[in-house]
C-alpha atoms as a PDB file:
ATOM      1  CA  MET A   1     101.500  68.948  91.937  1.00  0.00           C
ATOM      2  CA  SER A   2     102.602  68.456  95.537  1.00  0.00           C
ATOM      3  CA  ILE A   3     100.431  69.405  98.498  1.00  0.00           C
ATOM      4  CA  ASP A   4     101.768  70.441 101.884  1.00  0.00           C
ATOM      5  CA  ARG A   5     100.443  69.172 105.205  1.00  0.00           C
ATOM      6  CA  GLU A   6      97.845  71.929 105.470  1.00  0.00           C
ATOM      7  CA  GLY A   7      96.392  71.123 102.057  1.00  0.00           C
ATOM      8  CA  ASN A   8      97.913  74.095 100.246  1.00  0.00           C
ATOM      9  CA  SER A   9      99.648  73.971  96.921  1.00  0.00           C
ATOM     10  CA  ALA A  10     103.384  73.515  97.240  1.00  0.00           C
ATOM     11  CA  ASN A  11     104.032  74.859  93.717  1.00  0.00           C
ATOM     12  CA  PRO A  12     106.109  78.026  94.250  1.00  0.00           C
ATOM     13  CA  LYS A  13     105.155  79.472  90.847  1.00  0.00           C
ATOM     14  CA  LYS A  14     101.449  79.190  91.566  1.00  0.00           C
ATOM     15  CA  SER A  15     101.910  80.550  95.085  1.00  0.00           C
ATOM     16  CA  SER A  16     103.747  83.586  93.748  1.00  0.00           C
ATOM     17  CA  LYS A  17     101.000  84.182  91.186  1.00  0.00           C
ATOM     18  CA  VAL A  18      98.367  83.995  93.891  1.00  0.00           C
ATOM     19  CA  THR A  19     100.342  86.453  96.017  1.00  0.00           C
ATOM     20  CA  ILE A  20     100.696  88.929  93.144  1.00  0.00           C
ATOM     21  CA  LEU A  21      97.007  88.647  92.278  1.00  0.00           C
ATOM     22  CA  GLY A  22      96.149  89.242  95.932  1.00  0.00           C
ATOM     23  CA  LEU A  23      98.114  92.490  95.816  1.00  0.00           C
ATOM     24  CA  LEU A  24      96.451  93.689  92.622  1.00  0.00           C
ATOM     25  CA  VAL A  25      92.898  92.373  92.822  1.00  0.00           C
ATOM     26  CA  ASP A  26      90.332  92.535  95.641  1.00  0.00           C
ATOM     27  CA  GLU A  27      87.928  89.807  96.733  1.00  0.00           C
ATOM     28  CA  ASP A  28      85.403  90.768  94.040  1.00  0.00           C
ATOM     29  CA  GLY A  29      87.967  90.441  91.247  1.00  0.00           C
ATOM     30  CA  ASP A  30      88.268  94.206  90.701  1.00  0.00           C
ATOM     31  CA  ILE A  31      91.596  95.973  90.511  1.00  0.00           C
ATOM     32  CA  LYS A  32      92.383  97.711  93.787  1.00  0.00           C
ATOM     33  CA  TRP A  33      92.332 101.483  93.982  1.00  0.00           C
ATOM     34  CA  ASN A  34      95.929 101.651  95.184  1.00  0.00           C
ATOM     35  CA  VAL A  35      97.036  99.911  91.965  1.00  0.00           C
ATOM     36  CA  TYR A  36      95.668 102.827  89.946  1.00  0.00           C
ATOM     37  CA  GLN A  37      97.285 105.277  92.341  1.00  0.00           C
ATOM     38  CA  GLY A  38     100.634 103.533  92.124  1.00  0.00           C
ATOM     39  CA  ALA A  39     100.437 103.339  88.324  1.00  0.00           C
ATOM     40  CA  ALA A  40      99.671 107.062  88.060  1.00  0.00           C
ATOM     41  CA  ILE A  41     102.528 108.022  90.389  1.00  0.00           C
ATOM     42  CA  LEU A  42     104.919 105.665  88.584  1.00  0.00           C
ATOM     43  CA  ALA A  43     103.895 107.122  85.231  1.00  0.00           C
ATOM     44  CA  GLY A  44     104.604 110.613  86.566  1.00  0.00           C
ATOM     45  CA  VAL A  45     108.044 109.530  87.774  1.00  0.00           C
ATOM     46  CA  VAL A  46     108.873 107.976  84.389  1.00  0.00           C
ATOM     47  CA  ILE A  47     107.816 111.126  82.534  1.00  0.00           C
ATOM     48  CA  LEU A  48     109.808 113.240  84.991  1.00  0.00           C
ATOM     49  CA  VAL A  49     112.913 111.107  84.434  1.00  0.00           C
ATOM     50  CA  PHE A  50     112.636 111.418  80.644  1.00  0.00           C
ATOM     51  CA  PHE A  51     112.130 115.173  80.909  1.00  0.00           C
ATOM     52  CA  THR A  52     115.071 115.834  83.229  1.00  0.00           C
ATOM     53  CA  MET A  53     117.411 113.666  81.162  1.00  0.00           C
ATOM     54  CA  GLN A  54     117.062 116.003  78.152  1.00  0.00           C
ATOM     55  CA  GLY A  55     119.155 118.853  79.578  1.00  0.00           C
ATOM     56  CA  SER A  56     122.864 119.236  80.136  1.00  0.00           C
ATOM     57  CA  ASN A  57     122.755 118.905  83.950  1.00  0.00           C
ATOM     58  CA  ARG A  58     120.984 115.575  83.875  1.00  0.00           C
ATOM     59  CA  LEU A  59     121.803 114.274  87.335  1.00  0.00           C
ATOM     60  CA  GLN A  60     121.144 117.619  88.998  1.00  0.00           C
ATOM     61  CA  SER A  61     117.863 118.069  87.138  1.00  0.00           C
ATOM     62  CA  LEU A  62     116.803 114.504  87.966  1.00  0.00           C
ATOM     63  CA  ALA A  63     117.614 114.898  91.652  1.00  0.00           C
ATOM     64  CA  ILE A  64     115.833 118.258  91.942  1.00  0.00           C
ATOM     65  CA  GLY A  65     112.840 116.983  89.976  1.00  0.00           C
ATOM     66  CA  LEU A  66     112.471 113.933  92.184  1.00  0.00           C
ATOM     67  CA  LEU A  67     112.827 116.063  95.320  1.00  0.00           C
ATOM     68  CA  VAL A  68     110.143 118.497  94.163  1.00  0.00           C
ATOM     69  CA  ALA A  69     107.857 115.635  93.177  1.00  0.00           C
ATOM     70  CA  GLY A  70     108.505 113.837  96.492  1.00  0.00           C
ATOM     71  CA  ALA A  71     107.842 117.003  98.497  1.00  0.00           C
ATOM     72  CA  ALA A  72     104.564 117.601  96.644  1.00  0.00           C
ATOM     73  CA  LEU A  73     103.569 113.958  97.118  1.00  0.00           C
ATOM     74  CA  ALA A  74     104.374 114.078 100.832  1.00  0.00           C
ATOM     75  CA  ALA A  75     102.480 117.348 101.293  1.00  0.00           C
ATOM     76  CA  GLY A  76      99.476 115.912  99.472  1.00  0.00           C
ATOM     77  CA  ILE A  77      99.543 112.738 101.589  1.00  0.00           C
ATOM     78  CA  LEU A  78      99.703 114.807 104.786  1.00  0.00           C
ATOM     79  CA  ILE A  79      96.749 116.982 103.777  1.00  0.00           C
ATOM     80  CA  GLY A  80      94.798 113.923 102.658  1.00  0.00           C
ATOM     81  CA  PHE A  81      95.558 112.282 105.993  1.00  0.00           C
ATOM     82  CA  LEU A  82      94.276 115.321 107.888  1.00  0.00           C
ATOM     83  CA  PHE A  83      91.091 115.394 105.820  1.00  0.00           C
ATOM     84  CA  GLY A  84      90.513 111.649 106.158  1.00  0.00           C
ATOM     85  CA  ILE A  85      91.089 110.998 109.871  1.00  0.00           C
ATOM     86  CA  PRO A  86      87.990 109.111 111.117  1.00  0.00           C
ATOM     87  CA  ARG A  87      85.918 110.451 113.964  1.00  0.00           C
ATOM     88  CA  THR A  88      85.566 108.456 117.162  1.00  0.00           C
ATOM     89  CA  LEU A  89      81.981 107.916 118.240  1.00  0.00           C
ATOM     90  CA  GLN A  90      81.670 108.541 121.964  1.00  0.00           C
ATOM     91  CA  ARG A  91      78.854 106.134 122.691  1.00  0.00           C
ATOM     92  CA  GLU A  92      76.720 106.901 125.711  1.00  0.00           C
ATOM     93  CA  GLY A  93      73.936 104.867 127.175  1.00  0.00           C
ATOM     94  CA  PRO A  94      70.533 106.241 128.110  1.00  0.00           C
ATOM     95  CA  LYS A  95      70.399 108.599 131.038  1.00  0.00           C
ATOM     96  CA  ASP A  96      69.376 107.220 134.380  1.00  0.00           C
ATOM     97  CA  THR A  97      66.781 109.816 135.388  1.00  0.00           C
ATOM     98  CA  ALA A  98      66.761 108.693 138.983  1.00  0.00           C
ATOM     99  CA  ASN A  99      70.507 109.009 139.478  1.00  0.00           C
ATOM    100  CA  GLY A 100      71.432 111.548 136.817  1.00  0.00           C
ATOM    101  CA  ASN A 101      74.035 109.233 135.353  1.00  0.00           C
ATOM    102  CA  ALA A 102      74.428 107.244 132.179  1.00  0.00           C
ATOM    103  CA  PRO A 103      74.889 103.563 133.154  1.00  0.00           C
ATOM    104  CA  GLY A 104      76.076 102.678 129.664  1.00  0.00           C
ATOM    105  CA  GLU A 105      78.605 105.470 129.425  1.00  0.00           C
ATOM    106  CA  ALA A 106      82.126 104.303 128.663  1.00  0.00           C
ATOM    107  CA  TYR A 107      85.423 106.108 128.560  1.00  0.00           C
ATOM    108  CA  GLY A 108      86.398 107.193 125.045  1.00  0.00           C
ATOM    109  CA  VAL A 109      89.746 107.162 123.382  1.00  0.00           C
ATOM    110  CA  ASN A 110      91.974 110.213 123.190  1.00  0.00           C
ATOM    111  CA  THR A 111      90.680 112.382 120.325  1.00  0.00           C
ATOM    112  CA  ASN A 112      93.388 115.068 120.289  1.00  0.00           C
ATOM    113  CA  LEU A 113      94.521 114.035 116.811  1.00  0.00           C
ATOM    114  CA  GLU A 114      90.955 114.297 115.546  1.00  0.00           C
ATOM    115  CA  GLN A 115      90.582 117.782 117.008  1.00  0.00           C
ATOM    116  CA  ILE A 116      93.864 118.916 115.474  1.00  0.00           C
ATOM    117  CA  SER A 117      92.772 117.464 112.143  1.00  0.00           C
ATOM    118  CA  ASP A 118      89.459 119.296 112.382  1.00  0.00           C
ATOM    119  CA  TRP A 119      91.143 122.612 113.193  1.00  0.00           C
ATOM    120  CA  LEU A 120      93.766 122.336 110.453  1.00  0.00           C
ATOM    121  CA  THR A 121      91.184 121.232 107.886  1.00  0.00           C
ATOM    122  CA  LYS A 122      89.014 124.246 108.633  1.00  0.00           C
ATOM    123  CA  ILE A 123      92.040 126.549 108.552  1.00  0.00           C
ATOM    124  CA  ILE A 124      93.215 125.164 105.202  1.00  0.00           C
ATOM    125  CA  VAL A 125      89.771 125.452 103.623  1.00  0.00           C
ATOM    126  CA  GLY A 126      89.078 128.880 105.157  1.00  0.00           C
ATOM    127  CA  VAL A 127      92.415 130.397 104.214  1.00  0.00           C
ATOM    128  CA  GLY A 128      92.188 128.826 100.755  1.00  0.00           C
ATOM    129  CA  LEU A 129      88.799 130.434 100.114  1.00  0.00           C
ATOM    130  CA  VAL A 130      89.804 133.829 101.509  1.00  0.00           C
ATOM    131  CA  GLN A 131      93.108 133.893  99.608  1.00  0.00           C
ATOM    132  CA  LEU A 132      91.721 132.325  96.440  1.00  0.00           C
ATOM    133  CA  THR A 133      92.817 135.239  94.261  1.00  0.00           C
ATOM    134  CA  VAL A 134      96.287 135.332  95.835  1.00  0.00           C
ATOM    135  CA  ILE A 135      97.107 131.622  95.514  1.00  0.00           C
ATOM    136  CA  PRO A 136      97.954 131.653  91.752  1.00  0.00           C
ATOM    137  CA  GLY A 137     100.534 134.404  92.289  1.00  0.00           C
ATOM    138  CA  LYS A 138     102.056 132.569  95.251  1.00  0.00           C
ATOM    139  CA  MET A 139     102.234 129.369  93.200  1.00  0.00           C
ATOM    140  CA  ARG A 140     103.950 131.246  90.392  1.00  0.00           C
ATOM    141  CA  GLY A 141     106.488 132.697  92.823  1.00  0.00           C
ATOM    142  CA  LEU A 142     107.171 129.249  94.315  1.00  0.00           C
ATOM    143  CA  SER A 143     107.634 127.688  90.882  1.00  0.00           C
ATOM    144  CA  ASP A 144     109.990 130.470  89.793  1.00  0.00           C
ATOM    145  CA  TYR A 145     112.032 129.945  92.938  1.00  0.00           C
ATOM    146  CA  LEU A 146     112.242 126.162  92.492  1.00  0.00           C
ATOM    147  CA  ALA A 147     113.032 126.455  88.791  1.00  0.00           C
ATOM    148  CA  THR A 148     116.374 128.059  89.615  1.00  0.00           C
ATOM    149  CA  ALA A 149     117.504 124.849  91.344  1.00  0.00           C
ATOM    150  CA  PHE A 150     117.498 122.944  88.040  1.00  0.00           C
ATOM    151  CA  GLY A 151     120.438 124.982  86.778  1.00  0.00           C
ATOM    152  CA  ALA A 152     121.013 126.162  83.209  1.00  0.00           C
ATOM    153  CA  PRO A 153     119.189 126.107  80.929  1.00  0.00           C
ATOM    154  CA  ALA A 154     116.286 127.443  82.969  1.00  0.00           C
ATOM    155  CA  VAL A 155     113.301 125.177  83.411  1.00  0.00           C
ATOM    156  CA  PRO A 156     109.930 126.817  82.686  1.00  0.00           C
ATOM    157  CA  SER A 157     107.996 127.609  85.853  1.00  0.00           C
ATOM    158  CA  ALA A 158     104.924 126.007  84.279  1.00  0.00           C
ATOM    159  CA  THR A 159     106.749 122.688  84.350  1.00  0.00           C
ATOM    160  CA  VAL A 160     107.445 123.024  88.075  1.00  0.00           C
ATOM    161  CA  ILE A 161     103.804 123.900  88.717  1.00  0.00           C
ATOM    162  CA  THR A 162     102.771 120.823  86.733  1.00  0.00           C
ATOM    163  CA  ILE A 163     105.039 118.606  88.839  1.00  0.00           C
ATOM    164  CA  ILE A 164     103.701 120.070  92.093  1.00  0.00           C
ATOM    165  CA  CYS A 165     100.041 119.802  91.062  1.00  0.00           C
ATOM    166  CA  TYR A 166     100.362 116.311  89.559  1.00  0.00           C
ATOM    167  CA  PHE A 167     102.106 114.678  92.503  1.00  0.00           C
ATOM    168  CA  GLY A 168     100.279 116.805  95.080  1.00  0.00           C
ATOM    169  CA  ILE A 169      96.851 115.742  93.808  1.00  0.00           C
ATOM    170  CA  PHE A 170      97.713 112.050  93.684  1.00  0.00           C
ATOM    171  CA  GLY A 171      99.392 112.349  97.075  1.00  0.00           C
ATOM    172  CA  PHE A 172      96.204 113.853  98.509  1.00  0.00           C
ATOM    173  CA  LEU A 173      94.095 111.034  97.066  1.00  0.00           C
ATOM    174  CA  LEU A 174      96.550 108.431  98.335  1.00  0.00           C
ATOM    175  CA  GLY A 175      96.609 109.876 101.861  1.00  0.00           C
ATOM    176  CA  TYR A 176      92.855 110.408 102.021  1.00  0.00           C
ATOM    177  CA  LEU A 177      91.822 106.997 100.683  1.00  0.00           C
ATOM    178  CA  TRP A 178      94.392 105.120 102.763  1.00  0.00           C
ATOM    179  CA  THR A 179      93.250 106.936 105.896  1.00  0.00           C
ATOM    180  CA  ARG A 180      89.566 106.373 105.232  1.00  0.00           C
ATOM    181  CA  ILE A 181      89.859 102.746 104.153  1.00  0.00           C
ATOM    182  CA  TYR A 182      92.674 101.303 106.283  1.00  0.00           C
ATOM    183  CA  LEU A 183      93.277 103.607 109.235  1.00  0.00           C
ATOM    184  CA  MET A 184      89.680 103.380 110.426  1.00  0.00           C
ATOM    185  CA  GLY A 185      89.918  99.592 110.417  1.00  0.00           C
ATOM    186  CA  GLU A 186      93.208  99.702 112.306  1.00  0.00           C
ATOM    187  CA  PHE A 187      91.763 102.052 114.934  1.00  0.00           C
ATOM    188  CA  SER A 188      88.780  99.735 115.409  1.00  0.00           C
ATOM    189  CA  ARG A 189      90.986  96.642 115.596  1.00  0.00           C
ATOM    190  CA  VAL A 190      93.314  98.178 118.200  1.00  0.00           C
ATOM    191  CA  GLU A 191      90.364  99.430 120.255  1.00  0.00           C
ATOM    192  CA  ARG A 192      88.785  95.972 120.230  1.00  0.00           C
ATOM    193  CA  MET A 193      92.081  94.412 121.303  1.00  0.00           C
ATOM    194  CA  THR A 194      92.449  96.969 124.091  1.00  0.00           C
ATOM    195  CA  ARG A 195      88.928  96.402 125.378  1.00  0.00           C
ATOM    196  CA  ASP A 196      89.533  92.663 125.522  1.00  0.00           C
ATOM    197  CA  ARG A 197      92.509  93.026 127.864  1.00  0.00           C
ATOM    198  CA  ALA A 198      92.215  92.594 131.611  1.00  0.00           C
ATOM    199  CA  GLU A 199      94.184  95.800 132.198  1.00  0.00           C
ATOM    200  CA  TYR A 200      91.500  97.825 130.437  1.00  0.00           C
ATOM    201  CA  TYR A 201      88.733  96.588 132.747  1.00  0.00           C
ATOM    202  CA  GLU A 202      90.921  96.979 135.813  1.00  0.00           C
ATOM    203  CA  GLY A 203      91.575 100.620 134.985  1.00  0.00           C
ATOM    204  CA  LEU A 204      87.906 101.157 134.183  1.00  0.00           C
ATOM    205  CA  ILE A 205      86.795  99.810 137.561  1.00  0.00           C
ATOM    206  CA  ASN A 206      89.327 101.997 139.352  1.00  0.00           C
ATOM    207  CA  ALA A 207      88.080 105.051 137.455  1.00  0.00           C
ATOM    208  CA  TYR A 208      84.449 104.291 138.269  1.00  0.00           C
ATOM    209  CA  VAL A 209      85.234 104.272 142.001  1.00  0.00           C
ATOM    210  CA  TYR A 210      86.092 107.975 141.721  1.00  0.00           C
ATOM    211  CA  GLN A 211      82.921 108.884 139.815  1.00  0.00           C
ATOM    212  CA  PRO A 212      79.928 110.610 141.477  1.00  0.00           C
ATOM    213  CA  MET A 213      77.549 108.475 143.488  1.00  0.00           C
ATOM    214  CA  PRO A 214      75.514 106.372 143.025  1.00  0.00           C
ATOM    215  CA  GLY A 215      76.390 105.744 139.382  1.00  0.00           C
ATOM    216  CA  GLY A 216      80.110 105.387 140.051  1.00  0.00           C
ATOM    217  CA  PHE A 217      80.050 102.610 142.635  1.00  0.00           C
ATOM    218  CA  ARG A 218      77.226 100.791 140.846  1.00  0.00           C
ATOM    219  CA  ARG A 219      79.192 100.610 137.607  1.00  0.00           C
ATOM    220  CA  ALA A 220      82.346  99.643 139.513  1.00  0.00           C
ATOM    221  CA  ILE A 221      80.510  96.744 141.159  1.00  0.00           C
ATOM    222  CA  ALA A 222      78.996  95.609 137.868  1.00  0.00           C
ATOM    223  CA  GLU A 223      82.326  95.738 136.021  1.00  0.00           C
ATOM    224  CA  GLY A 224      84.054  94.010 138.930  1.00  0.00           C
ATOM    225  CA  GLU A 225      81.669  91.080 138.639  1.00  0.00           C
ATOM    226  CA  LYS A 226      82.307  90.892 134.898  1.00  0.00           C
ATOM    227  CA  TYR A 227      86.069  91.010 135.496  1.00  0.00           C
ATOM    228  CA  THR A 228      86.156  88.130 137.970  1.00  0.00           C
ATOM    229  CA  HIS A 229      83.896  86.083 135.708  1.00  0.00           C
ATOM    230  CA  ARG A 230      86.136  86.606 132.664  1.00  0.00           C
ATOM    231  CA  PHE A 231      89.646  86.907 134.086  1.00  0.00           C
ATOM    232  CA  GLY A 232      89.547  85.420 137.584  1.00  0.00           C
ATOM    233  CA  ASP A 233      90.776  86.856 140.884  1.00  0.00           C
ATOM    234  CA  ASN A 234      92.852  90.029 141.062  1.00  0.00           C
ATOM    235  CA  TRP A 235      93.538  91.615 144.434  1.00  0.00           C
ATOM    236  CA  ARG A 236      93.507  95.148 143.020  1.00  0.00           C
ATOM    237  CA  VAL A 237      90.088  94.583 141.461  1.00  0.00           C
ATOM    238  CA  TRP A 238      88.768  93.179 144.741  1.00  0.00           C
ATOM    239  CA  LEU A 239      90.178  96.281 146.474  1.00  0.00           C
ATOM    240  CA  TYR A 240      88.254  98.554 144.096  1.00  0.00           C
ATOM    241  CA  VAL A 241      85.110  96.453 144.572  1.00  0.00           C
ATOM    242  CA  ALA A 242      85.492  96.692 148.356  1.00  0.00           C
ATOM    243  CA  CYS A 243      85.697 100.480 148.068  1.00  0.00           C
ATOM    244  CA  ALA A 244      82.624 100.475 145.823  1.00  0.00           C
ATOM    245  CA  TYR A 245      80.594  98.430 148.326  1.00  0.00           C
ATOM    246  CA  ALA A 246      81.761 100.721 151.128  1.00  0.00           C
ATOM    247  CA  GLN A 247      80.575 103.711 149.107  1.00  0.00           C
ATOM    248  CA  GLU A 248      77.249 101.968 148.582  1.00  0.00           C
ATOM    249  CA  TYR A 249      76.967 101.311 152.322  1.00  0.00           C
ATOM    250  CA  GLY A 250      77.670 104.965 153.117  1.00  0.00           C
ATOM    251  CA  TYR A 251      75.221 106.118 150.457  1.00  0.00           C
ATOM    252  CA  LEU A 252      72.474 103.900 151.863  1.00  0.00           C
ATOM    253  CA  SER A 253      73.248 105.026 155.423  1.00  0.00           C
ATOM    254  CA  ARG A 254      72.620 108.655 154.480  1.00  0.00           C
ATOM    255  CA  ASP A 255      69.137 107.841 153.184  1.00  0.00           C
ATOM    256  CA  PRO A 256      66.387 109.424 155.353  1.00  0.00           C
ATOM    257  CA  GLU A 257      64.787 105.993 155.637  1.00  0.00           C
ATOM    258  CA  PRO A 258      67.652 103.543 155.139  1.00  0.00           C
ATOM    259  CA  ASN A 259      66.931  99.984 154.110  1.00  0.00           C
ATOM    260  CA  GLU A 260      68.709  97.920 156.750  1.00  0.00           C
ATOM    261  CA  GLU A 261      68.619  94.773 154.643  1.00  0.00           C
ATOM    262  CA  GLU A 262      70.402  96.504 151.754  1.00  0.00           C
ATOM    263  CA  LYS A 263      72.895  98.084 154.164  1.00  0.00           C
ATOM    264  CA  ASN A 264      73.728  94.726 155.722  1.00  0.00           C
ATOM    265  CA  ALA A 265      74.177  93.189 152.266  1.00  0.00           C
ATOM    266  CA  SER A 266      76.589  95.959 151.237  1.00  0.00           C
ATOM    267  CA  GLU A 267      78.535  95.595 154.479  1.00  0.00           C
ATOM    268  CA  SER A 268      78.790  91.822 154.059  1.00  0.00           C
ATOM    269  CA  LYS A 269      79.927  92.092 150.438  1.00  0.00           C
ATOM    270  CA  CYS A 270      82.490  94.752 151.329  1.00  0.00           C
ATOM    271  CA  LEU A 271      83.897  92.594 154.125  1.00  0.00           C
ATOM    272  CA  ASN A 272      84.050  89.610 151.790  1.00  0.00           C
ATOM    273  CA  ALA A 273      85.924  91.676 149.200  1.00  0.00           C
ATOM    274  CA  VAL A 274      88.411  92.827 151.846  1.00  0.00           C
ATOM    275  CA  ARG A 275      89.001  89.232 152.894  1.00  0.00           C
ATOM    276  CA  ARG A 276      89.552  88.232 149.250  1.00  0.00           C
ATOM    277  CA  VAL A 277      92.171  90.965 148.928  1.00  0.00           C
ATOM    278  CA  LEU A 278      94.041  89.666 151.973  1.00  0.00           C
ATOM    279  CA  GLN A 279      93.661  86.094 150.814  1.00  0.00           C
ATOM    280  CA  ILE A 280      95.356  86.866 147.508  1.00  0.00           C
ATOM    281  CA  ASN A 281      97.887  89.416 148.754  1.00  0.00           C
ATOM    282  CA  LYS A 282      98.625  89.676 152.493  1.00  0.00           C
ATOM    283  CA  ASP A 283     100.910  92.650 151.862  1.00  0.00           C
ATOM    284  CA  ALA A 284      97.862  94.728 150.865  1.00  0.00           C
ATOM    285  CA  LYS A 285      96.760  94.974 154.499  1.00  0.00           C
ATOM    286  CA  GLU A 286      98.540  98.277 155.101  1.00  0.00           C
ATOM    287  CA  MET A 287      96.900  99.708 151.994  1.00  0.00           C
ATOM    288  CA  LEU A 288      93.502  98.636 153.295  1.00  0.00           C
ATOM    289  CA  ARG A 289      94.265 100.103 156.704  1.00  0.00           C
ATOM    290  CA  GLY A 290      95.024 103.395 154.984  1.00  0.00           C
ATOM    291  CA  LEU A 291      91.465 103.398 153.662  1.00  0.00           C
ATOM    292  CA  TRP A 292      89.899 102.324 156.955  1.00  0.00           C
ATOM    293  CA  LYS A 293      91.562 103.764 160.066  1.00  0.00           C
ATOM    294  CA  THR A 294      90.844 107.457 160.590  1.00  0.00           C
ATOM    295  CA  GLU A 295      94.397 108.320 161.611  1.00  0.00           C
ATOM    296  CA  LEU A 296      95.708 106.924 158.298  1.00  0.00           C
ATOM    297  CA  THR A 297      93.100 108.108 155.799  1.00  0.00           C
ATOM    298  CA  ASN A 298      92.870 111.260 153.716  1.00  0.00           C
ATOM    299  CA  PRO A 299      89.758 112.907 152.216  1.00  0.00           C
ATOM    300  CA  LEU A 300      90.339 111.265 148.825  1.00  0.00           C
ATOM    301  CA  GLU A 301      91.212 107.780 150.093  1.00  0.00           C
ATOM    302  CA  ASN A 302      88.830 106.964 152.937  1.00  0.00           C
ATOM    303  CA  ASP A 303      86.206 104.642 151.437  1.00  0.00           C
ATOM    304  CA  LEU A 304      86.393 102.104 154.277  1.00  0.00           C
ATOM    305  CA  GLU A 305      86.562 104.691 157.040  1.00  0.00           C
ATOM    306  CA  ILE A 306      82.834 104.450 157.705  1.00  0.00           C
ATOM    307  CA  PHE A 307      83.360 101.012 159.238  1.00  0.00           C
ATOM    308  CA  TRP A 308      85.941 102.461 161.627  1.00  0.00           C
ATOM    309  CA  ILE A 309      83.628 105.332 162.560  1.00  0.00           C
ATOM    310  CA  GLU A 310      80.750 102.922 163.184  1.00  0.00           C
ATOM    311  CA  ARG A 311      83.093 100.654 165.205  1.00  0.00           C
ATOM    312  CA  ASN A 312      82.474  97.595 163.074  1.00  0.00           C
ATOM    313  CA  VAL A 313      84.072  94.710 164.950  1.00  0.00           C
ATOM    314  CA  ASP A 314      84.296  92.442 161.906  1.00  0.00           C
ATOM    315  CA  PHE A 315      86.496  94.941 160.111  1.00  0.00           C
ATOM    316  CA  LEU A 316      88.555  95.437 163.264  1.00  0.00           C
ATOM    317  CA  LYS A 317      89.225  91.704 163.386  1.00  0.00           C
ATOM    318  CA  CYS A 318      90.152  91.667 159.736  1.00  0.00           C
ATOM    319  CA  LEU A 319      92.266  94.829 159.448  1.00  0.00           C
ATOM    320  CA  GLY A 320      93.301  95.616 163.018  1.00  0.00           C
ATOM    321  CA  ASN A 321      96.786  95.111 164.384  1.00  0.00           C
ATOM    322  CA  ALA A 322      97.699  94.299 167.957  1.00  0.00           C
ATOM    323  CA  GLY A 323      96.964  97.379 170.018  1.00  0.00           C
ATOM    324  CA  ASP A 324      94.379  98.777 167.633  1.00  0.00           C
ATOM    325  CA  ALA A 325      91.106  99.766 169.279  1.00  0.00           C
ATOM    326  CA  PHE A 326      88.229 102.034 168.567  1.00  0.00           C
ATOM    327  CA  PRO A 327      88.236 105.345 170.423  1.00  0.00           C
ATOM    328  CA  GLU A 328      87.659 104.929 174.150  1.00  0.00           C
ATOM    329  CA  GLU A 329      87.838 101.169 173.884  1.00  0.00           C
ATOM    330  CA  ASP A 330      90.516  98.616 174.519  1.00  0.00           C
ATOM    331  CA  ASN A 331      91.580  95.930 172.070  1.00  0.00           C
ATOM    332  CA  ARG A 332      89.495  93.160 173.560  1.00  0.00           C
ATOM    333  CA  ALA A 333      87.366  93.112 170.407  1.00  0.00           C
ATOM    334  CA  ILE A 334      90.310  91.792 168.446  1.00  0.00           C
ATOM    335  CA  ALA A 335      90.718  88.821 170.756  1.00  0.00           C
ATOM    336  CA  ALA A 336      86.987  88.143 170.946  1.00  0.00           C
END
């Protein structure tokens, strides 16, 4: 027997056997559930083929029979999918009683599909229970209608009902089990991949900047530190961090007894973040000026404006252009 470079068997026959066994048997040596499902559906198709080939219109009967069976199977899979969609756990951290925020709270995924599944499931179950006495008659009418498609001689409606029930039930089981076993794992895998991407954290930091104080800017600062530690410098992230530190500075300034040491630390960190933005991307200066200078800001984008209002010379040196000056002052501060 030959062995390839990675130490695997190079015998194609053995490799094919291993592949087939992997499709049929799980890690514990038990036959997989989908093998039983596939065998049952295949057996139904074989029986259906033998049945439809007995009449005079063989091809027509076969085509109609397969279409009815396929429609029932598809309907069952869809209903099973709706019943089996996993719920997303919106994890929240403990409440911060001092700030009224949840520091561990994270943004959840879009759950519209789950809500639709929940509504449709309740509707199907509710209508089914209310119309329980009417359903047999409706099924009989549907089977009589579909039986006419087989042509002459007429196919008994009981046979059509059997086809619908047989393939519909196995379709439901197939859709439900696949959704519960595989779809949940796929959702978790994709969510883990998304959360490991730099874009996810960048968007999260930006969103935190717009959250209520003080929880919003505190989480933005914390996530910004994690981002730079994991992914390195990003001028947009430093911009969000600068806004967060400016929010912190303004929040501390409004305290009845402000802590000057904490204020100075926030100011210094904000200025450092602004400088890092300009160091990485000089073209971002106009964007920063739009957050700083009163004439350029708007109520939703004015995080750095407090340093213009307080006439902070360091920010004027960093963000000011020639001719810029605080109200009632000349531009000598820039040249100082």
